[in-house]
Protein backbone atom coordinates (compact mmCIF):
# COMPACT_ATOMS: atom_id res chain seq x y z
CA MET A 1 -20.33 81.24 191.74
CA ARG A 2 -20.51 78.01 189.71
CA PRO A 3 -20.63 79.77 186.26
CA LEU A 4 -17.28 81.65 187.30
CA VAL A 5 -15.61 78.33 188.38
CA HIS A 6 -16.58 76.57 185.21
CA SER A 7 -15.25 79.51 183.12
CA VAL A 8 -11.94 79.41 184.98
CA VAL A 9 -11.66 75.56 184.46
CA PHE A 10 -12.64 75.97 180.84
CA ARG A 11 -9.92 78.63 180.23
CA SER A 12 -7.27 76.55 181.97
CA ALA A 13 -8.10 73.60 179.86
CA VAL A 14 -7.85 75.66 176.65
CA PHE A 15 -4.50 77.02 177.79
CA ALA A 16 -3.16 73.58 178.71
CA ALA A 17 -4.32 72.27 175.36
CA SER A 18 -2.56 75.10 173.48
CA LEU A 19 0.67 74.32 175.40
CA LEU A 20 0.23 70.62 174.60
CA GLY A 21 -0.23 71.56 170.91
CA LEU A 22 2.87 73.51 170.83
CA GLY A 23 4.81 70.71 172.45
CA PHE A 24 3.60 68.27 169.78
CA ALA A 25 4.49 70.79 167.05
CA SER A 26 7.98 71.17 168.44
CA LEU A 27 8.51 67.38 168.71
CA SER A 28 7.25 67.02 165.17
CA ALA A 29 9.64 69.77 163.85
CA ARG A 30 12.51 68.08 165.68
CA ALA A 31 11.63 64.68 164.29
CA ASN A 32 12.16 66.08 160.73
CA GLU A 33 15.64 67.40 161.66
CA PRO A 34 18.56 65.04 160.69
CA LEU A 35 19.87 62.85 163.59
CA GLU A 36 23.19 63.81 165.09
CA GLU A 37 25.83 61.33 163.93
CA ARG A 38 27.56 59.65 166.80
CA PRO A 39 30.42 56.92 166.64
CA PRO A 40 29.55 53.49 167.73
CA LEU A 41 30.11 52.54 171.27
CA GLY A 42 33.78 52.01 172.00
CA VAL A 43 35.00 54.09 169.10
CA THR A 44 36.73 57.35 169.94
CA PRO A 45 35.50 60.32 167.76
CA PRO A 46 38.15 62.00 165.62
CA SER A 47 39.83 64.91 167.26
CA SER A 48 38.99 68.39 166.05
CA LYS A 49 42.59 69.35 166.33
CA PRO A 50 44.79 69.41 163.06
CA ASP A 51 46.78 66.52 162.38
CA ILE A 52 50.47 66.83 163.30
CA PRO A 53 52.67 66.75 160.13
CA PRO A 54 55.04 63.79 159.95
CA ALA A 55 58.76 64.24 160.24
CA ALA A 56 60.30 65.44 157.08
CA VAL A 57 61.77 62.62 154.92
CA PRO A 58 63.95 63.15 151.72
CA ARG A 59 62.15 62.94 148.39
CA ALA A 60 63.08 63.86 144.91
CA GLY A 61 64.90 67.09 144.89
CA ASP A 62 65.89 66.90 148.58
CA LYS A 63 69.32 66.31 149.90
CA ALA A 64 69.92 62.62 150.63
CA PRO A 65 70.89 62.14 154.24
CA PRO A 66 74.52 61.01 154.71
CA PHE A 67 75.16 57.58 156.39
CA THR A 68 77.88 55.15 157.18
CA LEU A 69 77.26 51.47 157.68
CA LYS A 70 79.14 48.24 157.87
CA SER A 71 79.22 45.85 155.05
CA VAL A 72 77.90 42.35 155.95
CA ASP A 73 80.70 40.57 154.10
CA THR A 74 83.75 42.44 155.23
CA GLY A 75 82.55 44.38 158.29
CA GLN A 76 84.11 47.54 156.86
CA PRO A 77 82.20 50.88 157.09
CA ARG A 78 81.03 52.31 153.88
CA SER A 79 79.39 55.71 153.44
CA LEU A 80 76.92 57.07 150.87
CA ASP A 81 79.47 59.69 149.80
CA SER A 82 82.07 56.91 149.01
CA TYR A 83 79.59 55.32 146.57
CA LEU A 84 78.76 58.72 145.07
CA LYS A 85 82.54 59.17 144.45
CA SER A 86 83.28 55.57 143.59
CA LYS A 87 84.41 54.06 140.30
CA THR A 88 81.89 51.74 138.54
CA LYS A 89 82.73 48.12 137.74
CA ASP A 90 84.25 49.50 134.41
CA GLY A 91 86.49 52.02 136.28
CA LYS A 92 84.47 55.04 135.26
CA ASP A 93 83.21 57.71 137.65
CA ALA A 94 79.73 56.84 138.98
CA LYS A 95 76.84 58.96 137.83
CA GLY A 96 74.93 58.37 141.02
CA ALA A 97 74.12 55.68 143.52
CA VAL A 98 71.16 53.36 143.78
CA VAL A 99 70.28 52.71 147.54
CA LEU A 100 67.97 49.70 147.92
CA PHE A 101 66.35 48.76 151.15
CA LEU A 102 66.19 44.96 150.93
CA SER A 103 65.32 41.94 153.04
CA CYS A 104 66.51 38.29 152.92
CA ARG A 105 63.01 36.86 153.87
CA CYS A 106 60.54 39.13 152.09
CA PRO A 107 58.81 37.37 149.18
CA TYR A 108 58.43 40.67 147.38
CA VAL A 109 62.21 41.07 147.44
CA ALA A 110 62.59 37.45 146.22
CA GLN A 111 60.43 38.36 143.19
CA ALA A 112 62.42 41.52 142.60
CA ARG A 113 65.83 39.71 142.64
CA ALA A 114 65.93 38.96 138.84
CA PRO A 115 64.74 42.58 137.83
CA ILE A 116 67.31 44.09 140.20
CA ALA A 117 70.07 41.78 138.81
CA GLU A 118 69.09 42.83 135.23
CA LEU A 119 69.27 46.45 136.11
CA TYR A 120 72.59 46.10 137.88
CA LYS A 121 73.88 44.21 134.79
CA GLN A 122 72.73 47.05 132.56
CA TYR A 123 73.57 50.07 134.65
CA GLY A 124 76.21 48.83 137.07
CA ASP A 125 78.95 50.26 134.80
CA LYS A 126 77.41 53.78 135.19
CA VAL A 127 75.96 53.98 138.61
CA ALA A 128 76.90 52.38 142.04
CA PHE A 129 74.49 50.01 143.65
CA VAL A 130 74.23 49.30 147.30
CA GLY A 131 71.74 47.33 149.40
CA VAL A 132 70.70 48.25 152.95
CA ASN A 133 69.03 45.66 155.21
CA ALA A 134 67.30 47.42 158.11
CA ASN A 135 65.17 44.56 159.37
CA GLN A 136 66.04 43.91 162.93
CA ASN A 137 64.64 40.30 162.85
CA GLU A 138 67.12 39.18 160.38
CA PRO A 139 70.51 37.99 161.65
CA VAL A 140 73.69 39.23 159.92
CA SER A 141 74.60 35.64 158.98
CA ASP A 142 71.38 35.15 157.01
CA ILE A 143 71.73 38.57 155.29
CA LYS A 144 75.29 37.80 154.33
CA ALA A 145 74.49 34.42 152.84
CA ASP A 146 71.55 35.80 150.82
CA ALA A 147 73.40 38.79 149.60
CA ALA A 148 76.25 36.52 148.41
CA GLN A 149 73.81 34.40 146.50
CA SER A 150 71.32 36.97 145.16
CA PHE A 151 73.10 40.35 144.66
CA GLY A 152 76.31 41.29 142.95
CA PHE A 153 76.69 44.55 144.84
CA PRO A 154 77.56 45.34 148.56
CA MET A 155 75.00 44.81 151.35
CA LEU A 156 75.19 47.06 154.39
CA ARG A 157 73.61 46.40 157.79
CA ASP A 158 71.40 49.12 159.27
CA ASP A 159 71.62 48.39 162.95
CA GLY A 160 68.56 50.03 164.78
CA SER A 161 66.98 50.96 161.45
CA LYS A 162 68.45 54.36 161.86
CA VAL A 163 69.19 55.05 158.15
CA ALA A 164 65.65 53.67 157.28
CA ASP A 165 64.29 56.19 159.80
CA LEU A 166 66.39 59.06 158.11
CA TYR A 167 65.02 58.10 154.71
CA GLY A 168 61.55 57.33 155.89
CA ALA A 169 61.81 53.96 154.21
CA GLN A 170 58.88 51.72 155.08
CA ARG A 171 59.12 48.73 152.57
CA THR A 172 61.32 46.24 151.03
CA PRO A 173 62.10 46.59 148.21
CA GLU A 174 62.28 50.41 148.31
CA VAL A 175 64.57 52.38 146.18
CA PHE A 176 66.33 55.85 146.42
CA VAL A 177 68.44 57.09 143.50
CA VAL A 178 70.89 59.81 144.53
CA GLY A 179 72.66 61.92 141.94
CA THR A 180 76.38 62.94 142.17
CA ASN A 181 75.28 66.25 143.65
CA GLY A 182 73.77 64.37 146.61
CA LEU A 183 70.02 65.09 145.69
CA VAL A 184 67.51 62.35 145.54
CA ARG A 185 66.55 61.85 141.92
CA TYR A 186 64.11 59.01 142.30
CA HIS A 187 62.20 57.32 145.06
CA GLY A 188 59.76 54.39 144.85
CA GLY A 189 59.53 50.68 143.77
CA VAL A 190 61.74 48.66 141.36
CA ASP A 191 59.22 48.72 138.60
CA ASP A 192 59.91 52.36 137.70
CA LEU A 193 63.63 52.20 138.60
CA GLY A 194 64.74 51.28 134.89
CA PRO A 195 63.30 54.33 133.20
CA ALA A 196 64.63 56.62 136.09
CA LEU A 197 68.14 55.21 135.55
CA ALA A 198 67.93 55.57 131.74
CA GLN A 199 67.16 59.23 132.22
CA LEU A 200 69.79 59.69 134.96
CA VAL A 201 72.66 58.26 133.08
CA ALA A 202 71.54 60.33 129.90
CA GLY A 203 71.79 63.46 131.92
CA GLN A 204 68.07 64.09 131.73
CA ALA A 205 65.48 64.94 134.35
CA VAL A 206 63.76 62.03 135.88
CA THR A 207 60.15 62.48 134.80
CA LYS A 208 58.58 59.79 137.12
CA PHE A 209 60.64 60.74 140.22
CA GLU A 210 58.14 59.23 142.68
CA SER A 211 56.30 55.86 142.74
CA LYS A 212 54.67 53.56 145.11
CA ALA A 213 56.88 50.93 146.86
CA PHE A 214 55.11 47.73 147.39
CA GLY A 215 56.52 45.12 149.69
CA CYS A 216 57.04 43.93 153.13
CA THR A 217 57.24 46.50 156.01
CA ILE A 218 60.66 47.04 157.46
CA LYS A 219 60.79 45.25 160.93
CA ARG A 220 62.29 47.91 163.24
CA LYS A 221 62.02 45.53 166.21
CA PRO A 222 63.80 42.09 166.76
C-alpha cells in the first residue's frame, strides 16, 4: 500500500506545481500589459457622452440679433437698426455699424481707447459707432462719466447682459461689425478692426472676418 500512497502524493504534487507554474506565467504576462490609466483621487473622469454644443451665437455671415438699449447720457432707447439706417457725422448714409462691448474699469479697454478713437476719427464719417456696456458691476454714473471723457460715440447700457448673451460676447473690448444688410461682417478684437473697416467701406469682402478678442471678462453678475 505504501508505494501506491507515495505515487498518489507525487502525482498530486506534480499537478499542484503545474497549476502554480501556470499562475506565475499568467501573472508574468499580465505584468507586461499596460496599466489601466485612472484619474487621481477626487477627480471625476470625463464622460463618455458627446459634448452638448453651445448655443448658437452670431459670427461673420450670420444675421446680427436686433436690440434696443437705452443711452447712458440721454436715457433714450436706441436700436441697432437705427444705427444701420443712420447718417454719419458728415450727413452721409452709414455703410454699417461698429458695435463695441466696452467697460469703464477694464485695463484692456483703457489701452484700446486711443486706437478706437483713431478708428472713429478715420471711419466715423462712413460707419456708425456704438458702445455697449454689459458689465453688471459698473454703475451707470461711472459708465456715463467714462463714455463722455473717452469716446465720441454713444454708449448704451445692457441691463442683465441680455444683448451680450445674444451676441455671445465674452470680453471687453469685443467688436462686431454689422453691414447695412444686417449681417455680421467682422467679429473679434480691436487690433484687426482697422483692416476690416477699410474693406467694408471699400465694398470689399472682409478677408479676416474673425479674430481673437483679448480683454476682461464681461461681469454678468453685480
